[in-house]
Amino acid sequence: MTEKEMLKVSIEEFSRLQNYMLVSDKESESYKRMKDRYIELKVFLQISGVNLTELDKIKE
């Protein structure tokens, strides 16, 4: 997988994950696990130079 392909997949996962988080109860175990993945993806994308200003719907 090329770097561009990896970034594309990560951006898609980040977007999908945020949509699930927005409709989930913030106190649920599922939300807490999704938030862990959200943070991992956010860090990876930021390190990769992706501007998350428009992509980040959660803003946590």
PDB file of N, CA and C in Angstrom:
ATOM      1  N   MET A   1       0.856  -1.177   0.000  1.00  0.00           N
ATOM      2  CA  MET A   1       0.000   0.000   0.000  1.00  0.00           C
ATOM      3  C   MET A   1       0.900   1.237   0.000  1.00  0.00           C
ATOM      4  N   THR A   2       0.620   2.154  -0.894  1.00  0.00           N
ATOM      5  CA  THR A   2       1.418   3.378  -0.954  1.00  0.00           C
ATOM      6  C   THR A   2       1.004   4.326   0.169  1.00  0.00           C
ATOM      7  N   GLU A   3       1.832   5.337   0.390  1.00  0.00           N
ATOM      8  CA  GLU A   3       1.530   6.326   1.424  1.00  0.00           C
ATOM      9  C   GLU A   3       0.214   7.048   1.125  1.00  0.00           C
ATOM     10  N   LYS A   4      -0.006   7.382  -0.142  1.00  0.00           N
ATOM     11  CA  LYS A   4      -1.256   8.069  -0.515  1.00  0.00           C
ATOM     12  C   LYS A   4      -2.461   7.184  -0.271  1.00  0.00           C
ATOM     13  N   GLU A   5      -2.347   5.910  -0.579  1.00  0.00           N
ATOM     14  CA  GLU A   5      -3.452   4.978  -0.347  1.00  0.00           C
ATOM     15  C   GLU A   5      -3.733   4.841   1.152  1.00  0.00           C
ATOM     16  N   MET A   6      -2.668   4.776   1.952  1.00  0.00           N
ATOM     17  CA  MET A   6      -2.820   4.673   3.395  1.00  0.00           C
ATOM     18  C   MET A   6      -3.506   5.917   3.956  1.00  0.00           C
ATOM     19  N   LEU A   7      -3.128   7.089   3.468  1.00  0.00           N
ATOM     20  CA  LEU A   7      -3.766   8.326   3.915  1.00  0.00           C
ATOM     21  C   LEU A   7      -5.238   8.354   3.523  1.00  0.00           C
ATOM     22  N   LYS A   8      -5.531   7.921   2.306  1.00  0.00           N
ATOM     23  CA  LYS A   8      -6.921   7.894   1.840  1.00  0.00           C
ATOM     24  C   LYS A   8      -7.773   6.991   2.730  1.00  0.00           C
ATOM     25  N   VAL A   9      -7.284   5.798   3.015  1.00  0.00           N
ATOM     26  CA  VAL A   9      -8.006   4.843   3.863  1.00  0.00           C
ATOM     27  C   VAL A   9      -8.183   5.417   5.274  1.00  0.00           C
ATOM     28  N   SER A  10      -7.154   6.039   5.802  1.00  0.00           N
ATOM     29  CA  SER A  10      -7.220   6.611   7.146  1.00  0.00           C
ATOM     30  C   SER A  10      -8.206   7.771   7.215  1.00  0.00           C
ATOM     31  N   ILE A  11      -8.233   8.612   6.203  1.00  0.00           N
ATOM     32  CA  ILE A  11      -9.191   9.723   6.165  1.00  0.00           C
ATOM     33  C   ILE A  11     -10.616   9.182   6.084  1.00  0.00           C
ATOM     34  N   GLU A  12     -10.824   8.176   5.276  1.00  0.00           N
ATOM     35  CA  GLU A  12     -12.160   7.572   5.171  1.00  0.00           C
ATOM     36  C   GLU A  12     -12.584   6.962   6.504  1.00  0.00           C
ATOM     37  N   GLU A  13     -11.673   6.252   7.166  1.00  0.00           N
ATOM     38  CA  GLU A  13     -11.988   5.655   8.460  1.00  0.00           C
ATOM     39  C   GLU A  13     -12.267   6.743   9.501  1.00  0.00           C
ATOM     40  N   PHE A  14     -11.474   7.804   9.491  1.00  0.00           N
ATOM     41  CA  PHE A  14     -11.658   8.917  10.422  1.00  0.00           C
ATOM     42  C   PHE A  14     -13.048   9.530  10.251  1.00  0.00           C
ATOM     43  N   SER A  15     -13.452   9.741   9.017  1.00  0.00           N
ATOM     44  CA  SER A  15     -14.757  10.326   8.738  1.00  0.00           C
ATOM     45  C   SER A  15     -15.892   9.399   9.175  1.00  0.00           C
ATOM     46  N   ARG A  16     -15.778   8.126   8.835  1.00  0.00           N
ATOM     47  CA  ARG A  16     -16.802   7.137   9.204  1.00  0.00           C
ATOM     48  C   ARG A  16     -16.912   7.021  10.717  1.00  0.00           C
ATOM     49  N   LEU A  17     -15.777   6.954  11.383  1.00  0.00           N
ATOM     50  CA  LEU A  17     -15.749   6.828  12.836  1.00  0.00           C
ATOM     51  C   LEU A  17     -16.421   8.018  13.510  1.00  0.00           C
ATOM     52  N   GLN A  18     -16.159   9.204  13.018  1.00  0.00           N
ATOM     53  CA  GLN A  18     -16.791  10.393  13.596  1.00  0.00           C
ATOM     54  C   GLN A  18     -18.311  10.351  13.450  1.00  0.00           C
ATOM     55  N   ASN A  19     -18.782   9.877  12.307  1.00  0.00           N
ATOM     56  CA  ASN A  19     -20.230   9.764  12.104  1.00  0.00           C
ATOM     57  C   ASN A  19     -20.853   8.817  13.121  1.00  0.00           C
ATOM     58  N   TYR A  20     -20.176   7.696  13.403  1.00  0.00           N
ATOM     59  CA  TYR A  20     -20.667   6.764  14.420  1.00  0.00           C
ATOM     60  C   TYR A  20     -20.633   7.413  15.806  1.00  0.00           C
ATOM     61  N   MET A  21     -19.573   8.148  16.088  1.00  0.00           N
ATOM     62  CA  MET A  21     -19.452   8.787  17.399  1.00  0.00           C
ATOM     63  C   MET A  21     -20.544   9.834  17.617  1.00  0.00           C
ATOM     64  N   LEU A  22     -20.888  10.549  16.580  1.00  0.00           N
ATOM     65  CA  LEU A  22     -21.893  11.607  16.709  1.00  0.00           C
ATOM     66  C   LEU A  22     -23.288  11.069  17.046  1.00  0.00           C
ATOM     67  N   VAL A  23     -23.558   9.823  16.718  1.00  0.00           N
ATOM     68  CA  VAL A  23     -24.878   9.255  17.006  1.00  0.00           C
ATOM     69  C   VAL A  23     -24.850   8.295  18.193  1.00  0.00           C
ATOM     70  N   SER A  24     -23.714   8.204  18.874  1.00  0.00           N
ATOM     71  CA  SER A  24     -23.566   7.291  20.006  1.00  0.00           C
ATOM     72  C   SER A  24     -23.651   8.041  21.324  1.00  0.00           C
ATOM     73  N   ASP A  25     -24.048   7.314  22.342  1.00  0.00           N
ATOM     74  CA  ASP A  25     -24.085   7.850  23.697  1.00  0.00           C
ATOM     75  C   ASP A  25     -22.654   8.000  24.206  1.00  0.00           C
ATOM     76  N   LYS A  26     -22.286   9.191  24.605  1.00  0.00           N
ATOM     77  CA  LYS A  26     -20.911   9.466  25.020  1.00  0.00           C
ATOM     78  C   LYS A  26     -20.484   8.691  26.263  1.00  0.00           C
ATOM     79  N   GLU A  27     -21.425   8.152  26.995  1.00  0.00           N
ATOM     80  CA  GLU A  27     -21.108   7.391  28.200  1.00  0.00           C
ATOM     81  C   GLU A  27     -20.979   5.899  27.927  1.00  0.00           C
ATOM     82  N   SER A  28     -21.276   5.485  26.723  1.00  0.00           N
ATOM     83  CA  SER A  28     -21.242   4.053  26.404  1.00  0.00           C
ATOM     84  C   SER A  28     -19.815   3.547  26.242  1.00  0.00           C
ATOM     85  N   GLU A  29     -19.660   2.255  26.463  1.00  0.00           N
ATOM     86  CA  GLU A  29     -18.353   1.619  26.280  1.00  0.00           C
ATOM     87  C   GLU A  29     -17.923   1.712  24.815  1.00  0.00           C
ATOM     88  N   SER A  30     -18.875   1.582  23.916  1.00  0.00           N
ATOM     89  CA  SER A  30     -18.567   1.667  22.479  1.00  0.00           C
ATOM     90  C   SER A  30     -17.981   3.029  22.132  1.00  0.00           C
ATOM     91  N   TYR A  31     -18.576   4.076  22.644  1.00  0.00           N
ATOM     92  CA  TYR A  31     -18.085   5.426  22.371  1.00  0.00           C
ATOM     93  C   TYR A  31     -16.656   5.588  22.882  1.00  0.00           C
ATOM     94  N   LYS A  32     -16.400   5.089  24.070  1.00  0.00           N
ATOM     95  CA  LYS A  32     -15.067   5.209  24.656  1.00  0.00           C
ATOM     96  C   LYS A  32     -14.026   4.502  23.793  1.00  0.00           C
ATOM     97  N   ARG A  33     -14.370   3.353  23.253  1.00  0.00           N
ATOM     98  CA  ARG A  33     -13.443   2.624  22.381  1.00  0.00           C
ATOM     99  C   ARG A  33     -13.276   3.346  21.046  1.00  0.00           C
ATOM    100  N   MET A  34     -14.379   3.896  20.533  1.00  0.00           N
ATOM    101  CA  MET A  34     -14.286   4.663  19.292  1.00  0.00           C
ATOM    102  C   MET A  34     -13.409   5.892  19.494  1.00  0.00           C
ATOM    103  N   LYS A  35     -13.520   6.520  20.666  1.00  0.00           N
ATOM    104  CA  LYS A  35     -12.717   7.715  20.934  1.00  0.00           C
ATOM    105  C   LYS A  35     -11.229   7.384  20.955  1.00  0.00           C
ATOM    106  N   ASP A  36     -10.872   6.215  21.481  1.00  0.00           N
ATOM    107  CA  ASP A  36      -9.462   5.794  21.448  1.00  0.00           C
ATOM    108  C   ASP A  36      -8.971   5.718  20.007  1.00  0.00           C
ATOM    109  N   ARG A  37      -9.766   5.103  19.134  1.00  0.00           N
ATOM    110  CA  ARG A  37      -9.376   4.985  17.724  1.00  0.00           C
ATOM    111  C   ARG A  37      -9.358   6.356  17.059  1.00  0.00           C
ATOM    112  N   TYR A  38     -10.321   7.199  17.410  1.00  0.00           N
ATOM    113  CA  TYR A  38     -10.392   8.570  16.889  1.00  0.00           C
ATOM    114  C   TYR A  38      -9.084   9.312  17.192  1.00  0.00           C
ATOM    115  N   ILE A  39      -8.601   9.190  18.415  1.00  0.00           N
ATOM    116  CA  ILE A  39      -7.365   9.871  18.810  1.00  0.00           C
ATOM    117  C   ILE A  39      -6.185   9.311  18.028  1.00  0.00           C
ATOM    118  N   GLU A  40      -6.119   7.985  17.891  1.00  0.00           N
ATOM    119  CA  GLU A  40      -5.029   7.370  17.121  1.00  0.00           C
ATOM    120  C   GLU A  40      -5.017   7.880  15.687  1.00  0.00           C
ATOM    121  N   LEU A  41      -6.177   7.880  15.049  1.00  0.00           N
ATOM    122  CA  LEU A  41      -6.261   8.340  13.666  1.00  0.00           C
ATOM    123  C   LEU A  41      -5.930   9.821  13.551  1.00  0.00           C
ATOM    124  N   LYS A  42      -6.410  10.602  14.488  1.00  0.00           N
ATOM    125  CA  LYS A  42      -6.160  12.042  14.461  1.00  0.00           C
ATOM    126  C   LYS A  42      -4.668  12.326  14.555  1.00  0.00           C
ATOM    127  N   VAL A  43      -3.985  11.645  15.450  1.00  0.00           N
ATOM    128  CA  VAL A  43      -2.541  11.830  15.599  1.00  0.00           C
ATOM    129  C   VAL A  43      -1.826  11.415  14.315  1.00  0.00           C
ATOM    130  N   PHE A  44      -2.181  10.249  13.774  1.00  0.00           N
ATOM    131  CA  PHE A  44      -1.554   9.777  12.543  1.00  0.00           C
ATOM    132  C   PHE A  44      -1.748  10.778  11.402  1.00  0.00           C
ATOM    133  N   LEU A  45      -2.970  11.267  11.249  1.00  0.00           N
ATOM    134  CA  LEU A  45      -3.253  12.199  10.157  1.00  0.00           C
ATOM    135  C   LEU A  45      -2.522  13.527  10.353  1.00  0.00           C
ATOM    136  N   GLN A  46      -2.455  14.013  11.573  1.00  0.00           N
ATOM    137  CA  GLN A  46      -1.738  15.257  11.844  1.00  0.00           C
ATOM    138  C   GLN A  46      -0.248  15.104  11.561  1.00  0.00           C
ATOM    139  N   ILE A  47       0.334  13.993  11.996  1.00  0.00           N
ATOM    140  CA  ILE A  47       1.751  13.733  11.731  1.00  0.00           C
ATOM    141  C   ILE A  47       2.006  13.640  10.232  1.00  0.00           C
ATOM    142  N   SER A  48       1.018  13.131   9.498  1.00  0.00           N
ATOM    143  CA  SER A  48       1.144  12.966   8.044  1.00  0.00           C
ATOM    144  C   SER A  48       0.910  14.269   7.291  1.00  0.00           C
ATOM    145  N   GLY A  49       0.577  15.335   8.023  1.00  0.00           N
ATOM    146  CA  GLY A  49       0.408  16.641   7.404  1.00  0.00           C
ATOM    147  C   GLY A  49      -0.987  16.938   6.893  1.00  0.00           C
ATOM    148  N   VAL A  50      -1.963  16.114   7.275  1.00  0.00           N
ATOM    149  CA  VAL A  50      -3.342  16.348   6.835  1.00  0.00           C
ATOM    150  C   VAL A  50      -3.947  17.456   7.692  1.00  0.00           C
ATOM    151  N   ASN A  51      -4.534  18.459   7.037  1.00  0.00           N
ATOM    152  CA  ASN A  51      -5.206  19.541   7.739  1.00  0.00           C
ATOM    153  C   ASN A  51      -6.588  19.039   8.158  1.00  0.00           C
ATOM    154  N   LEU A  52      -6.804  18.908   9.458  1.00  0.00           N
ATOM    155  CA  LEU A  52      -8.054  18.355   9.968  1.00  0.00           C
ATOM    156  C   LEU A  52      -9.119  19.416  10.249  1.00  0.00           C
ATOM    157  N   THR A  53      -8.836  20.658   9.946  1.00  0.00           N
ATOM    158  CA  THR A  53      -9.770  21.741  10.248  1.00  0.00           C
ATOM    159  C   THR A  53     -11.166  21.451   9.712  1.00  0.00           C
ATOM    160  N   GLU A  54     -11.269  21.038   8.474  1.00  0.00           N
ATOM    161  CA  GLU A  54     -12.566  20.772   7.857  1.00  0.00           C
ATOM    162  C   GLU A  54     -13.063  19.353   8.136  1.00  0.00           C
ATOM    163  N   LEU A  55     -12.160  18.419   8.387  1.00  0.00           N
ATOM    164  CA  LEU A  55     -12.538  17.019   8.553  1.00  0.00           C
ATOM    165  C   LEU A  55     -13.001  16.673   9.967  1.00  0.00           C
ATOM    166  N   ASP A  56     -12.503  17.379  10.959  1.00  0.00           N
ATOM    167  CA  ASP A  56     -12.761  17.016  12.347  1.00  0.00           C
ATOM    168  C   ASP A  56     -14.109  17.557  12.810  1.00  0.00           C
ATOM    169  N   LYS A  57     -15.083  16.645  12.916  1.00  0.00           N
ATOM    170  CA  LYS A  57     -16.434  17.033  13.344  1.00  0.00           C
ATOM    171  C   LYS A  57     -16.582  16.982  14.862  1.00  0.00           C
ATOM    172  N   ILE A  58     -15.739  16.200  15.519  1.00  0.00           N
ATOM    173  CA  ILE A  58     -15.846  15.993  16.964  1.00  0.00           C
ATOM    174  C   ILE A  58     -15.208  17.136  17.742  1.00  0.00           C
ATOM    175  N   LYS A  59     -14.056  17.606  17.306  1.00  0.00           N
ATOM    176  CA  LYS A  59     -13.331  18.741  17.899  1.00  0.00           C
ATOM    177  C   LYS A  59     -12.988  18.516  19.371  1.00  0.00           C
ATOM    178  N   GLU A  60     -12.586  17.304  19.716  1.00  0.00           N
ATOM    179  CA  GLU A  60     -12.191  17.018  21.108  1.00  0.00           C
ATOM    180  C   GLU A  60     -10.697  16.943  21.211  1.00  0.00           C
TER     181      GLU A  60
END
